[in-house]
Amino acid sequence: MIHLQHLKASLEEYRVLICFSGQFSQGIVEQLCESIKGQMTEGEVTKYNPMKMISIFVEQAQNIINYNLENVSHRYYDQLLESSIVTIGKTSDSFFVTSGNILDKQDLDPLVKKIEFLNSLGPVELKQYYKEVMKRDGMGENGRGAGLGLIQMARTAKSPIEYKNYSINDQLTYFQINVNC
């Protein structure tokens, strides 16, 4: 049996306010947004912009949902679907949103290159790049964003986007991303 006191102590150590693990859906994302708003005290709402944190959370969750939708026929689809987790927490002077999920290794390199490219841009360059991508690609061929969410996260973040991956087997890796806001 899981030792819930140890789990709670770990969440408190990392200053995690909200943690969700499992299959993401639009309904769950909406409920978690409401919970985030409810967890913020009056002083925090004034000091921090909760909409930035919620925006980053929604983008990360939507990226996971879209990735899973694009990989319905993947050999390891059940593992992809169940691997998702998102945490929202506090640092001494801001908030963070960290999410993770299993990716096919063939999708890792393009994602890392995109994050590295975005991290290399300054605020003015990010704004210009966002406009260029929006003008060039709009909402993409599937009606979903053409990487605009990741660009928006980079624009909103207080520091460069952090990421890490952990190899699972020859085909899969676990990828996590952290955005301080």
N, C-alpha and C. Protein backbone atom coordinates (compact mmCIF):
# COMPACT_ATOMS: atom_id res chain seq x y z
N MET A 1 0.84 -1.18 0.00
CA MET A 1 0.00 0.00 0.00
C MET A 1 0.89 1.25 0.00
N ILE A 2 0.45 2.27 -0.72
CA ILE A 2 1.20 3.52 -0.79
C ILE A 2 1.16 4.24 0.57
N HIS A 3 2.25 4.81 0.92
CA HIS A 3 2.35 5.55 2.19
C HIS A 3 2.03 7.01 1.88
N LEU A 4 0.79 7.40 2.08
CA LEU A 4 0.33 8.72 1.68
C LEU A 4 1.02 9.85 2.43
N GLN A 5 1.44 9.62 3.65
CA GLN A 5 2.15 10.68 4.38
C GLN A 5 3.48 10.99 3.72
N HIS A 6 4.16 9.97 3.20
CA HIS A 6 5.43 10.21 2.50
C HIS A 6 5.17 10.97 1.20
N LEU A 7 4.11 10.59 0.49
CA LEU A 7 3.77 11.29 -0.74
C LEU A 7 3.45 12.75 -0.44
N LYS A 8 2.64 12.99 0.57
CA LYS A 8 2.28 14.37 0.94
C LYS A 8 3.52 15.16 1.35
N ALA A 9 4.42 14.53 2.10
CA ALA A 9 5.66 15.21 2.51
C ALA A 9 6.49 15.59 1.29
N SER A 10 6.56 14.71 0.29
CA SER A 10 7.31 15.02 -0.94
C SER A 10 6.67 16.19 -1.69
N LEU A 11 5.35 16.18 -1.77
CA LEU A 11 4.66 17.28 -2.44
C LEU A 11 4.90 18.59 -1.72
N GLU A 12 4.88 18.55 -0.40
CA GLU A 12 5.14 19.76 0.38
C GLU A 12 6.59 20.21 0.23
N GLU A 13 7.52 19.26 0.20
CA GLU A 13 8.94 19.60 0.03
C GLU A 13 9.17 20.36 -1.27
N TYR A 14 8.49 19.93 -2.34
CA TYR A 14 8.63 20.59 -3.64
C TYR A 14 7.65 21.75 -3.80
N ARG A 15 6.88 22.03 -2.75
CA ARG A 15 5.90 23.13 -2.71
C ARG A 15 4.87 23.00 -3.82
N VAL A 16 4.39 21.78 -4.04
CA VAL A 16 3.39 21.49 -5.06
C VAL A 16 2.00 21.81 -4.50
N LEU A 17 1.26 22.63 -5.23
CA LEU A 17 -0.10 22.98 -4.83
C LEU A 17 -1.12 22.03 -5.43
N ILE A 18 -0.90 21.67 -6.70
CA ILE A 18 -1.82 20.79 -7.41
C ILE A 18 -1.00 19.77 -8.19
N CYS A 19 -1.46 18.53 -8.17
CA CYS A 19 -0.80 17.47 -8.93
C CYS A 19 -1.89 16.58 -9.53
N PHE A 20 -1.80 16.34 -10.82
CA PHE A 20 -2.73 15.42 -11.48
C PHE A 20 -1.92 14.44 -12.30
N SER A 21 -2.25 13.17 -12.17
CA SER A 21 -1.58 12.13 -12.92
C SER A 21 -2.63 11.23 -13.55
N GLY A 22 -2.46 10.93 -14.83
CA GLY A 22 -3.41 10.05 -15.53
C GLY A 22 -3.80 10.62 -16.87
N GLN A 23 -4.94 10.16 -17.38
CA GLN A 23 -5.42 10.61 -18.69
C GLN A 23 -5.98 12.02 -18.61
N PHE A 24 -5.46 12.88 -19.46
CA PHE A 24 -5.97 14.25 -19.54
C PHE A 24 -7.16 14.30 -20.47
N SER A 25 -8.10 15.15 -20.15
CA SER A 25 -9.22 15.45 -21.03
C SER A 25 -9.50 16.94 -20.88
N GLN A 26 -10.29 17.48 -21.79
CA GLN A 26 -10.63 18.89 -21.72
C GLN A 26 -11.36 19.21 -20.42
N GLY A 27 -12.24 18.31 -19.98
CA GLY A 27 -12.99 18.51 -18.74
C GLY A 27 -12.08 18.56 -17.52
N ILE A 28 -11.10 17.68 -17.47
CA ILE A 28 -10.16 17.67 -16.35
C ILE A 28 -9.34 18.95 -16.34
N VAL A 29 -8.91 19.40 -17.51
CA VAL A 29 -8.14 20.64 -17.60
C VAL A 29 -8.97 21.81 -17.06
N GLU A 30 -10.24 21.88 -17.44
CA GLU A 30 -11.11 22.95 -16.96
C GLU A 30 -11.29 22.89 -15.44
N GLN A 31 -11.49 21.69 -14.90
CA GLN A 31 -11.65 21.54 -13.45
C GLN A 31 -10.38 21.96 -12.71
N LEU A 32 -9.24 21.59 -13.23
CA LEU A 32 -7.98 21.97 -12.60
C LEU A 32 -7.76 23.48 -12.66
N CYS A 33 -8.19 24.12 -13.74
CA CYS A 33 -8.09 25.58 -13.83
C CYS A 33 -8.92 26.24 -12.72
N GLU A 34 -10.10 25.72 -12.50
CA GLU A 34 -10.95 26.25 -11.42
C GLU A 34 -10.29 26.04 -10.06
N SER A 35 -9.67 24.89 -9.89
CA SER A 35 -8.99 24.59 -8.63
C SER A 35 -7.81 25.53 -8.41
N ILE A 36 -7.08 25.82 -9.47
CA ILE A 36 -5.95 26.75 -9.38
C ILE A 36 -6.44 28.11 -8.90
N LYS A 37 -7.49 28.59 -9.53
CA LYS A 37 -8.05 29.89 -9.15
C LYS A 37 -8.47 29.87 -7.68
N GLY A 38 -9.07 28.76 -7.24
CA GLY A 38 -9.53 28.64 -5.86
C GLY A 38 -8.39 28.57 -4.85
N GLN A 39 -7.24 28.05 -5.25
CA GLN A 39 -6.10 27.90 -4.35
C GLN A 39 -5.35 29.21 -4.12
N MET A 40 -5.54 30.15 -5.00
CA MET A 40 -4.81 31.41 -4.87
C MET A 40 -5.49 32.30 -3.84
N THR A 41 -4.71 32.78 -2.92
CA THR A 41 -5.24 33.69 -1.90
C THR A 41 -5.36 35.08 -2.49
N GLU A 42 -6.07 35.93 -1.80
CA GLU A 42 -6.27 37.32 -2.26
C GLU A 42 -4.92 38.02 -2.50
N GLY A 43 -3.97 37.86 -1.61
CA GLY A 43 -2.66 38.49 -1.76
C GLY A 43 -1.89 37.96 -2.95
N GLU A 44 -1.99 36.66 -3.19
CA GLU A 44 -1.28 36.07 -4.32
C GLU A 44 -1.85 36.55 -5.65
N VAL A 45 -3.17 36.69 -5.71
CA VAL A 45 -3.80 37.14 -6.94
C VAL A 45 -3.32 38.54 -7.28
N THR A 46 -3.10 39.37 -6.26
CA THR A 46 -2.61 40.72 -6.49
C THR A 46 -1.13 40.72 -6.86
N LYS A 47 -0.34 39.89 -6.17
CA LYS A 47 1.11 39.86 -6.38
C LYS A 47 1.49 39.15 -7.69
N TYR A 48 0.82 38.05 -8.00
CA TYR A 48 1.12 37.26 -9.19
C TYR A 48 -0.06 37.32 -10.14
N ASN A 49 0.19 37.10 -11.38
CA ASN A 49 -0.88 37.04 -12.36
C ASN A 49 -1.27 35.57 -12.54
N PRO A 50 -2.38 35.14 -11.93
CA PRO A 50 -2.74 33.72 -12.04
C PRO A 50 -3.06 33.31 -13.47
N MET A 51 -3.43 34.24 -14.32
CA MET A 51 -3.76 33.88 -15.69
C MET A 51 -2.52 33.42 -16.45
N LYS A 52 -1.34 33.94 -16.11
CA LYS A 52 -0.11 33.45 -16.74
C LYS A 52 0.11 31.99 -16.40
N MET A 53 -0.05 31.66 -15.11
CA MET A 53 0.15 30.29 -14.66
C MET A 53 -0.89 29.37 -15.30
N ILE A 54 -2.13 29.81 -15.32
CA ILE A 54 -3.21 29.00 -15.91
C ILE A 54 -2.96 28.82 -17.40
N SER A 55 -2.51 29.86 -18.08
CA SER A 55 -2.22 29.78 -19.50
C SER A 55 -1.13 28.74 -19.78
N ILE A 56 -0.08 28.76 -18.98
CA ILE A 56 1.02 27.80 -19.16
C ILE A 56 0.54 26.38 -18.86
N PHE A 57 -0.25 26.23 -17.79
CA PHE A 57 -0.81 24.92 -17.46
C PHE A 57 -1.65 24.40 -18.62
N VAL A 58 -2.53 25.23 -19.16
CA VAL A 58 -3.42 24.81 -20.25
C VAL A 58 -2.59 24.41 -21.47
N GLU A 59 -1.57 25.19 -21.80
CA GLU A 59 -0.72 24.87 -22.95
C GLU A 59 -0.02 23.52 -22.76
N GLN A 60 0.53 23.29 -21.57
CA GLN A 60 1.21 22.01 -21.32
C GLN A 60 0.23 20.85 -21.40
N ALA A 61 -0.92 20.99 -20.78
CA ALA A 61 -1.94 19.93 -20.81
C ALA A 61 -2.42 19.69 -22.24
N GLN A 62 -2.65 20.77 -22.99
CA GLN A 62 -3.12 20.64 -24.37
C GLN A 62 -2.08 19.96 -25.24
N ASN A 63 -0.80 20.25 -25.01
CA ASN A 63 0.26 19.56 -25.76
C ASN A 63 0.21 18.06 -25.52
N ILE A 64 -0.02 17.65 -24.29
CA ILE A 64 -0.12 16.23 -23.96
C ILE A 64 -1.35 15.61 -24.62
N ILE A 65 -2.49 16.28 -24.51
CA ILE A 65 -3.72 15.78 -25.13
C ILE A 65 -3.52 15.61 -26.63
N ASN A 66 -2.97 16.63 -27.29
CA ASN A 66 -2.76 16.58 -28.74
C ASN A 66 -1.78 15.47 -29.12
N TYR A 67 -0.70 15.32 -28.35
CA TYR A 67 0.28 14.28 -28.65
C TYR A 67 -0.39 12.90 -28.59
N ASN A 68 -1.19 12.70 -27.57
CA ASN A 68 -1.88 11.41 -27.45
C ASN A 68 -2.88 11.19 -28.58
N LEU A 69 -3.59 12.22 -28.99
CA LEU A 69 -4.53 12.10 -30.11
C LEU A 69 -3.82 11.76 -31.41
N GLU A 70 -2.62 12.31 -31.59
CA GLU A 70 -1.86 12.04 -32.81
C GLU A 70 -1.24 10.64 -32.82
N ASN A 71 -1.23 9.98 -31.67
CA ASN A 71 -0.56 8.68 -31.56
C ASN A 71 -1.49 7.55 -31.16
N VAL A 72 -2.75 7.64 -31.54
CA VAL A 72 -3.75 6.63 -31.18
C VAL A 72 -3.35 5.24 -31.67
N SER A 73 -2.70 5.16 -32.80
CA SER A 73 -2.32 3.85 -33.33
C SER A 73 -0.91 3.42 -32.91
N HIS A 74 -0.29 4.17 -32.01
CA HIS A 74 1.07 3.84 -31.55
C HIS A 74 1.06 2.51 -30.80
N ARG A 75 2.09 1.75 -31.01
CA ARG A 75 2.24 0.44 -30.35
C ARG A 75 2.09 0.54 -28.83
N TYR A 76 2.58 1.62 -28.24
CA TYR A 76 2.55 1.81 -26.79
C TYR A 76 1.51 2.86 -26.37
N TYR A 77 0.43 2.97 -27.12
CA TYR A 77 -0.56 4.01 -26.87
C TYR A 77 -1.07 4.01 -25.43
N ASP A 78 -1.37 2.85 -24.88
CA ASP A 78 -1.88 2.81 -23.50
C ASP A 78 -0.89 3.41 -22.52
N GLN A 79 0.40 3.13 -22.72
CA GLN A 79 1.42 3.71 -21.85
C GLN A 79 1.51 5.23 -22.04
N LEU A 80 1.43 5.68 -23.28
CA LEU A 80 1.46 7.12 -23.55
C LEU A 80 0.32 7.80 -22.83
N LEU A 81 -0.86 7.22 -22.94
CA LEU A 81 -2.07 7.81 -22.37
C LEU A 81 -2.01 7.91 -20.85
N GLU A 82 -1.47 6.90 -20.21
CA GLU A 82 -1.46 6.84 -18.75
C GLU A 82 -0.25 7.53 -18.12
N SER A 83 0.69 8.00 -18.93
CA SER A 83 1.96 8.51 -18.38
C SER A 83 1.92 9.98 -17.98
N SER A 84 0.85 10.65 -18.28
CA SER A 84 0.80 12.11 -18.11
C SER A 84 0.70 12.53 -16.65
N ILE A 85 1.43 13.60 -16.33
CA ILE A 85 1.36 14.20 -15.00
C ILE A 85 1.62 15.70 -15.14
N VAL A 86 0.96 16.47 -14.32
CA VAL A 86 1.23 17.91 -14.26
C VAL A 86 1.23 18.33 -12.80
N THR A 87 2.17 19.20 -12.46
CA THR A 87 2.23 19.75 -11.11
C THR A 87 2.31 21.26 -11.22
N ILE A 88 1.69 21.91 -10.27
CA ILE A 88 1.74 23.36 -10.18
C ILE A 88 2.18 23.67 -8.76
N GLY A 89 3.17 24.52 -8.63
CA GLY A 89 3.67 24.82 -7.30
C GLY A 89 4.25 26.21 -7.20
N LYS A 90 4.79 26.47 -6.02
CA LYS A 90 5.34 27.79 -5.71
C LYS A 90 6.85 27.71 -5.52
N THR A 91 7.50 28.78 -5.91
CA THR A 91 8.88 29.00 -5.50
C THR A 91 8.81 30.18 -4.53
N SER A 92 9.93 30.68 -4.10
CA SER A 92 9.90 31.80 -3.16
C SER A 92 9.30 33.06 -3.76
N ASP A 93 9.45 33.24 -5.08
CA ASP A 93 8.97 34.48 -5.68
C ASP A 93 8.08 34.30 -6.91
N SER A 94 7.68 33.07 -7.20
CA SER A 94 6.84 32.85 -8.38
C SER A 94 6.16 31.48 -8.29
N PHE A 95 5.62 31.06 -9.39
CA PHE A 95 5.00 29.75 -9.50
C PHE A 95 5.71 28.96 -10.60
N PHE A 96 5.49 27.64 -10.61
CA PHE A 96 6.02 26.81 -11.69
C PHE A 96 4.94 25.84 -12.13
N VAL A 97 5.04 25.44 -13.38
CA VAL A 97 4.18 24.41 -13.94
C VAL A 97 5.11 23.39 -14.57
N THR A 98 5.04 22.15 -14.10
CA THR A 98 5.88 21.08 -14.62
C THR A 98 4.98 19.95 -15.08
N SER A 99 5.21 19.48 -16.28
CA SER A 99 4.42 18.35 -16.78
C SER A 99 5.36 17.33 -17.41
N GLY A 100 4.85 16.12 -17.55
CA GLY A 100 5.64 15.06 -18.16
C GLY A 100 4.75 14.01 -18.79
N ASN A 101 5.30 13.35 -19.79
CA ASN A 101 4.61 12.24 -20.44
C ASN A 101 5.61 11.45 -21.28
N ILE A 102 5.20 10.26 -21.65
CA ILE A 102 6.04 9.41 -22.49
C ILE A 102 5.94 9.88 -23.93
N LEU A 103 7.10 9.93 -24.60
CA LEU A 103 7.18 10.27 -26.02
C LEU A 103 7.88 9.15 -26.76
N ASP A 104 7.57 9.03 -28.03
CA ASP A 104 8.36 8.18 -28.91
C ASP A 104 9.68 8.90 -29.12
N LYS A 105 10.79 8.19 -29.07
CA LYS A 105 12.11 8.83 -29.18
C LYS A 105 12.28 9.60 -30.48
N GLN A 106 11.58 9.20 -31.54
CA GLN A 106 11.71 9.93 -32.80
C GLN A 106 11.14 11.35 -32.70
N ASP A 107 10.30 11.59 -31.72
CA ASP A 107 9.71 12.92 -31.53
C ASP A 107 10.52 13.80 -30.58
N LEU A 108 11.52 13.24 -29.93
CA LEU A 108 12.27 13.97 -28.92
C LEU A 108 13.18 15.04 -29.52
N ASP A 109 13.99 14.69 -30.49
CA ASP A 109 14.97 15.64 -31.04
C ASP A 109 14.32 16.91 -31.60
N PRO A 110 13.27 16.79 -32.42
CA PRO A 110 12.64 18.03 -32.91
C PRO A 110 12.09 18.91 -31.79
N LEU A 111 11.54 18.30 -30.75
CA LEU A 111 11.00 19.06 -29.62
C LEU A 111 12.12 19.77 -28.86
N VAL A 112 13.20 19.09 -28.58
CA VAL A 112 14.34 19.68 -27.88
C VAL A 112 14.93 20.83 -28.70
N LYS A 113 15.06 20.63 -30.01
CA LYS A 113 15.60 21.70 -30.87
C LYS A 113 14.70 22.93 -30.83
N LYS A 114 13.41 22.71 -30.83
CA LYS A 114 12.48 23.84 -30.80
C LYS A 114 12.60 24.59 -29.47
N ILE A 115 12.67 23.86 -28.36
CA ILE A 115 12.80 24.50 -27.04
C ILE A 115 14.12 25.26 -26.97
N GLU A 116 15.20 24.65 -27.43
CA GLU A 116 16.51 25.32 -27.41
C GLU A 116 16.48 26.60 -28.26
N PHE A 117 15.84 26.51 -29.41
CA PHE A 117 15.72 27.70 -30.26
C PHE A 117 14.95 28.79 -29.53
N LEU A 118 13.81 28.44 -28.94
CA LEU A 118 13.01 29.44 -28.23
C LEU A 118 13.77 30.02 -27.05
N ASN A 119 14.52 29.18 -26.34
CA ASN A 119 15.32 29.66 -25.20
C ASN A 119 16.42 30.63 -25.64
N SER A 120 16.83 30.55 -26.89
CA SER A 120 17.91 31.43 -27.38
C SER A 120 17.40 32.82 -27.76
N LEU A 121 16.08 32.99 -27.82
CA LEU A 121 15.50 34.26 -28.24
C LEU A 121 15.20 35.15 -27.04
N GLY A 122 15.33 36.45 -27.23
CA GLY A 122 14.94 37.42 -26.22
C GLY A 122 13.46 37.74 -26.35
N PRO A 123 12.92 38.54 -25.44
CA PRO A 123 11.48 38.86 -25.45
C PRO A 123 10.99 39.48 -26.76
N VAL A 124 11.75 40.41 -27.31
CA VAL A 124 11.33 41.06 -28.56
C VAL A 124 11.35 40.05 -29.70
N GLU A 125 12.40 39.23 -29.74
CA GLU A 125 12.51 38.21 -30.79
C GLU A 125 11.40 37.16 -30.67
N LEU A 126 11.05 36.78 -29.44
CA LEU A 126 9.97 35.81 -29.24
C LEU A 126 8.64 36.37 -29.73
N LYS A 127 8.40 37.63 -29.45
CA LYS A 127 7.16 38.28 -29.90
C LYS A 127 7.10 38.29 -31.43
N GLN A 128 8.21 38.65 -32.05
CA GLN A 128 8.27 38.69 -33.51
C GLN A 128 8.11 37.29 -34.10
N TYR A 129 8.77 36.31 -33.51
CA TYR A 129 8.68 34.93 -34.00
C TYR A 129 7.24 34.42 -33.88
N TYR A 130 6.59 34.73 -32.78
CA TYR A 130 5.18 34.33 -32.58
C TYR A 130 4.33 34.90 -33.71
N LYS A 131 4.51 36.17 -34.00
CA LYS A 131 3.74 36.82 -35.07
C LYS A 131 4.01 36.17 -36.43
N GLU A 132 5.29 35.86 -36.69
CA GLU A 132 5.66 35.22 -37.96
C GLU A 132 4.99 33.86 -38.10
N VAL A 133 5.05 33.05 -37.04
CA VAL A 133 4.46 31.71 -37.09
C VAL A 133 2.95 31.81 -37.23
N MET A 134 2.35 32.74 -36.50
CA MET A 134 0.90 32.93 -36.58
C MET A 134 0.50 33.33 -38.01
N LYS A 135 1.24 34.23 -38.60
CA LYS A 135 0.94 34.71 -39.95
C LYS A 135 1.16 33.59 -40.97
N ARG A 136 2.27 32.86 -40.81
CA ARG A 136 2.65 31.82 -41.77
C ARG A 136 1.78 30.58 -41.66
N ASP A 137 1.59 30.09 -40.41
CA ASP A 137 0.95 28.80 -40.22
C ASP A 137 -0.45 28.88 -39.62
N GLY A 138 -0.79 29.98 -39.00
CA GLY A 138 -2.10 30.10 -38.39
C GLY A 138 -2.38 28.97 -37.42
N MET A 139 -3.50 28.36 -37.56
CA MET A 139 -3.89 27.27 -36.65
C MET A 139 -3.48 25.91 -37.19
N GLY A 140 -2.72 25.84 -38.23
CA GLY A 140 -2.25 24.55 -38.73
C GLY A 140 -3.35 23.82 -39.47
N GLU A 141 -2.98 22.73 -40.09
CA GLU A 141 -3.93 22.00 -40.94
C GLU A 141 -4.98 21.24 -40.15
N ASN A 142 -4.72 20.90 -38.89
CA ASN A 142 -5.69 20.14 -38.10
C ASN A 142 -6.55 21.04 -37.23
N GLY A 143 -6.42 22.35 -37.38
CA GLY A 143 -7.18 23.26 -36.53
C GLY A 143 -6.51 23.48 -35.19
N ARG A 144 -5.39 22.82 -34.97
CA ARG A 144 -4.65 23.03 -33.72
C ARG A 144 -3.51 23.99 -34.00
N GLY A 145 -2.94 24.51 -32.96
CA GLY A 145 -1.85 25.46 -33.09
C GLY A 145 -0.65 24.85 -33.78
N ALA A 146 0.11 25.66 -34.43
CA ALA A 146 1.30 25.22 -35.15
C ALA A 146 2.53 25.47 -34.28
N GLY A 147 2.51 24.98 -33.03
CA GLY A 147 3.61 25.21 -32.12
C GLY A 147 3.50 26.54 -31.40
N LEU A 148 2.38 27.21 -31.56
CA LEU A 148 2.20 28.52 -30.94
C LEU A 148 2.18 28.43 -29.42
N GLY A 149 1.65 27.33 -28.88
CA GLY A 149 1.58 27.18 -27.43
C GLY A 149 2.96 27.18 -26.78
N LEU A 150 3.89 26.48 -27.38
CA LEU A 150 5.25 26.43 -26.86
C LEU A 150 5.90 27.82 -26.94
N ILE A 151 5.65 28.51 -28.04
CA ILE A 151 6.19 29.87 -28.18
C ILE A 151 5.58 30.77 -27.11
N GLN A 152 4.28 30.65 -26.89
CA GLN A 152 3.61 31.48 -25.89
C GLN A 152 4.15 31.17 -24.49
N MET A 153 4.42 29.88 -24.20
CA MET A 153 5.01 29.54 -22.90
C MET A 153 6.36 30.23 -22.73
N ALA A 154 7.18 30.21 -23.79
CA ALA A 154 8.49 30.85 -23.72
C ALA A 154 8.35 32.36 -23.51
N ARG A 155 7.34 32.95 -24.12
CA ARG A 155 7.11 34.40 -23.96
C ARG A 155 6.66 34.74 -22.55
N THR A 156 5.90 33.85 -21.93
CA THR A 156 5.33 34.10 -20.61
C THR A 156 6.29 33.77 -19.48
N ALA A 157 7.20 32.85 -19.73
CA ALA A 157 8.11 32.34 -18.69
C ALA A 157 9.02 33.43 -18.14
N LYS A 158 9.34 33.28 -16.84
CA LYS A 158 10.29 34.20 -16.19
C LYS A 158 11.73 33.83 -16.49
N SER A 159 11.94 32.61 -16.92
CA SER A 159 13.29 32.11 -17.20
C SER A 159 13.18 31.11 -18.36
N PRO A 160 14.31 30.67 -18.91
CA PRO A 160 14.24 29.71 -20.02
C PRO A 160 13.45 28.45 -19.62
N ILE A 161 12.80 27.87 -20.61
CA ILE A 161 12.06 26.63 -20.40
C ILE A 161 13.07 25.54 -20.05
N GLU A 162 12.78 24.81 -18.98
CA GLU A 162 13.64 23.70 -18.57
C GLU A 162 13.01 22.40 -19.06
N TYR A 163 13.85 21.43 -19.39
CA TYR A 163 13.33 20.13 -19.82
C TYR A 163 14.33 19.05 -19.46
N LYS A 164 13.83 17.84 -19.42
CA LYS A 164 14.67 16.68 -19.13
C LYS A 164 13.97 15.47 -19.71
N ASN A 165 14.75 14.49 -20.13
CA ASN A 165 14.14 13.24 -20.58
C ASN A 165 14.89 12.06 -19.98
N TYR A 166 14.15 10.98 -19.81
CA TYR A 166 14.67 9.75 -19.22
C TYR A 166 14.30 8.60 -20.15
N SER A 167 15.30 7.92 -20.65
CA SER A 167 15.05 6.80 -21.56
C SER A 167 14.31 5.68 -20.84
N ILE A 168 13.29 5.13 -21.50
CA ILE A 168 12.52 4.01 -20.95
C ILE A 168 12.96 2.71 -21.61
N ASN A 169 13.01 2.74 -22.94
CA ASN A 169 13.47 1.57 -23.71
C ASN A 169 13.99 2.09 -25.06
N ASP A 170 14.17 1.20 -26.03
CA ASP A 170 14.71 1.61 -27.34
C ASP A 170 13.81 2.59 -28.08
N GLN A 171 12.52 2.56 -27.79
CA GLN A 171 11.58 3.39 -28.55
C GLN A 171 11.00 4.55 -27.76
N LEU A 172 10.97 4.46 -26.42
CA LEU A 172 10.27 5.45 -25.62
C LEU A 172 11.18 6.20 -24.67
N THR A 173 10.80 7.44 -24.39
CA THR A 173 11.48 8.25 -23.41
C THR A 173 10.43 9.00 -22.61
N TYR A 174 10.76 9.32 -21.37
CA TYR A 174 9.87 10.13 -20.56
C TYR A 174 10.39 11.56 -20.62
N PHE A 175 9.53 12.48 -21.02
CA PHE A 175 9.92 13.87 -21.22
C PHE A 175 9.19 14.74 -20.23
N GLN A 176 9.93 15.63 -19.56
CA GLN A 176 9.26 16.59 -18.68
C GLN A 176 9.74 17.98 -19.00
N ILE A 177 8.83 18.92 -18.77
CA ILE A 177 9.08 20.33 -19.08
C ILE A 177 8.66 21.15 -17.87
N ASN A 178 9.45 22.19 -17.57
CA ASN A 178 9.16 23.06 -16.44
C ASN A 178 9.21 24.51 -16.91
N VAL A 179 8.18 25.26 -16.52
CA VAL A 179 8.12 26.68 -16.85
C VAL A 179 7.87 27.45 -15.57
N ASN A 180 8.76 28.40 -15.28
CA ASN A 180 8.58 29.29 -14.13
C ASN A 180 7.83 30.52 -14.62
N CYS A 181 6.80 30.87 -13.84
CA CYS A 181 5.97 32.01 -14.27
C CYS A 181 5.69 32.95 -13.10
